[in-house]
Amino acid sequence: MNNMTDEKEIAIKIGHRIKDLRKQANLSQVELAFRCNFEASNLNRIEAGRTYPSIKTLCKISNGLGVPFHALTDYIK
């Protein structure tokens, strides 16, 4: 595997984790995006793994979900 593949896989895993946590919190993409102060289309791209979210964006998402930052990333090996 090369670095681009590794990065893409990580983006997909983080996106799926965010989606799972959002659903557990009974939030729509629109509701979570509002809490994070960005467009729902941006959240959609993140959840689908089509973009590489910054640390700042991940912090906003963890705050919007009410979970610690590590809840988004700890399961990635």
C-alpha atoms as a PDB file:
ATOM      1  CA  MET A   1       0.000   0.000   0.000  1.00  0.00           C
ATOM      2  CA  ASN A   2       1.138   3.510  -0.664  1.00  0.00           C
ATOM      3  CA  ASN A   3       0.538   6.610   1.445  1.00  0.00           C
ATOM      4  CA  MET A   4      -2.391   7.816  -0.678  1.00  0.00           C
ATOM      5  CA  THR A   5      -4.175   4.490  -0.204  1.00  0.00           C
ATOM      6  CA  ASP A   6      -3.502   4.585   3.529  1.00  0.00           C
ATOM      7  CA  GLU A   7      -4.823   8.157   3.776  1.00  0.00           C
ATOM      8  CA  LYS A   8      -7.932   7.283   1.767  1.00  0.00           C
ATOM      9  CA  GLU A   9      -8.657   4.255   3.961  1.00  0.00           C
ATOM     10  CA  ILE A  10      -8.251   6.349   7.101  1.00  0.00           C
ATOM     11  CA  ALA A  11     -10.577   9.035   5.708  1.00  0.00           C
ATOM     12  CA  ILE A  12     -13.192   6.375   4.948  1.00  0.00           C
ATOM     13  CA  LYS A  13     -12.879   4.803   8.414  1.00  0.00           C
ATOM     14  CA  ILE A  14     -13.170   8.173  10.163  1.00  0.00           C
ATOM     15  CA  GLY A  15     -16.149   9.098   7.983  1.00  0.00           C
ATOM     16  CA  HIS A  16     -17.928   5.867   8.828  1.00  0.00           C
ATOM     17  CA  ARG A  17     -17.185   6.367  12.522  1.00  0.00           C
ATOM     18  CA  ILE A  18     -18.631   9.886  12.429  1.00  0.00           C
ATOM     19  CA  LYS A  19     -21.741   8.598  10.661  1.00  0.00           C
ATOM     20  CA  ASP A  20     -22.179   5.817  13.236  1.00  0.00           C
ATOM     21  CA  LEU A  21     -21.805   8.236  16.156  1.00  0.00           C
ATOM     22  CA  ARG A  22     -24.175  10.722  14.525  1.00  0.00           C
ATOM     23  CA  LYS A  23     -26.829   8.041  14.075  1.00  0.00           C
ATOM     24  CA  GLN A  24     -26.354   6.865  17.676  1.00  0.00           C
ATOM     25  CA  ALA A  25     -27.029  10.455  18.745  1.00  0.00           C
ATOM     26  CA  ASN A  26     -30.178  10.506  16.563  1.00  0.00           C
ATOM     27  CA  LEU A  27     -28.889  13.488  14.593  1.00  0.00           C
ATOM     28  CA  SER A  28     -29.337  14.174  10.905  1.00  0.00           C
ATOM     29  CA  GLN A  29     -26.443  15.409   8.818  1.00  0.00           C
ATOM     30  CA  VAL A  30     -28.106  18.822   8.716  1.00  0.00           C
ATOM     31  CA  GLU A  31     -28.395  18.949  12.514  1.00  0.00           C
ATOM     32  CA  LEU A  32     -24.790  17.932  13.112  1.00  0.00           C
ATOM     33  CA  ALA A  33     -23.510  20.289  10.418  1.00  0.00           C
ATOM     34  CA  PHE A  34     -25.442  23.135  12.080  1.00  0.00           C
ATOM     35  CA  ARG A  35     -23.856  22.278  15.444  1.00  0.00           C
ATOM     36  CA  CYS A  36     -20.432  22.330  13.757  1.00  0.00           C
ATOM     37  CA  ASN A  37     -21.125  25.554  11.846  1.00  0.00           C
ATOM     38  CA  PHE A  38     -20.539  24.163   8.371  1.00  0.00           C
ATOM     39  CA  GLU A  39     -22.579  23.028   5.380  1.00  0.00           C
ATOM     40  CA  ALA A  40     -24.315  19.647   5.387  1.00  0.00           C
ATOM     41  CA  SER A  41     -22.650  18.921   2.031  1.00  0.00           C
ATOM     42  CA  ASN A  42     -19.259  19.163   3.755  1.00  0.00           C
ATOM     43  CA  LEU A  43     -20.352  16.674   6.408  1.00  0.00           C
ATOM     44  CA  ASN A  44     -21.666  14.388   3.680  1.00  0.00           C
ATOM     45  CA  ARG A  45     -18.250  14.369   1.961  1.00  0.00           C
ATOM     46  CA  ILE A  46     -16.509  13.677   5.282  1.00  0.00           C
ATOM     47  CA  GLU A  47     -18.830  10.790   6.157  1.00  0.00           C
ATOM     48  CA  ALA A  48     -18.345   9.314   2.687  1.00  0.00           C
ATOM     49  CA  GLY A  49     -14.562   9.536   3.002  1.00  0.00           C
ATOM     50  CA  ARG A  50     -14.298  11.809  -0.038  1.00  0.00           C
ATOM     51  CA  THR A  51     -12.334  14.462   1.837  1.00  0.00           C
ATOM     52  CA  TYR A  52      -9.593  14.562   4.445  1.00  0.00           C
ATOM     53  CA  PRO A  53     -10.917  16.513   7.449  1.00  0.00           C
ATOM     54  CA  SER A  54      -8.494  18.718   9.340  1.00  0.00           C
ATOM     55  CA  ILE A  55      -7.863  18.359  13.059  1.00  0.00           C
ATOM     56  CA  LYS A  56      -9.880  21.558  13.552  1.00  0.00           C
ATOM     57  CA  THR A  57     -12.835  20.066  11.652  1.00  0.00           C
ATOM     58  CA  LEU A  58     -12.634  16.819  13.614  1.00  0.00           C
ATOM     59  CA  CYS A  59     -12.626  18.831  16.861  1.00  0.00           C
ATOM     60  CA  LYS A  60     -15.793  20.639  15.739  1.00  0.00           C
ATOM     61  CA  ILE A  61     -17.425  17.317  14.909  1.00  0.00           C
ATOM     62  CA  SER A  62     -16.468  15.716  18.219  1.00  0.00           C
ATOM     63  CA  ASN A  63     -17.848  18.766  20.047  1.00  0.00           C
ATOM     64  CA  GLY A  64     -21.023  18.673  17.941  1.00  0.00           C
ATOM     65  CA  LEU A  65     -21.492  15.005  18.783  1.00  0.00           C
ATOM     66  CA  GLY A  66     -20.639  15.550  22.441  1.00  0.00           C
ATOM     67  CA  VAL A  67     -17.911  12.914  22.374  1.00  0.00           C
ATOM     68  CA  PRO A  68     -14.185  13.158  23.123  1.00  0.00           C
ATOM     69  CA  PHE A  69     -11.909  13.619  20.118  1.00  0.00           C
ATOM     70  CA  HIS A  70     -10.384  10.176  20.520  1.00  0.00           C
ATOM     71  CA  ALA A  71     -13.823   8.595  19.996  1.00  0.00           C
ATOM     72  CA  LEU A  72     -13.400   9.468  16.318  1.00  0.00           C
ATOM     73  CA  THR A  73      -9.966   7.920  15.898  1.00  0.00           C
ATOM     74  CA  ASP A  74      -9.071   5.369  18.598  1.00  0.00           C
ATOM     75  CA  TYR A  75     -10.380   2.366  16.717  1.00  0.00           C
ATOM     76  CA  ILE A  76      -8.150   2.995  13.656  1.00  0.00           C
ATOM     77  CA  LYS A  77      -5.245   0.579  13.520  1.00  0.00           C
END
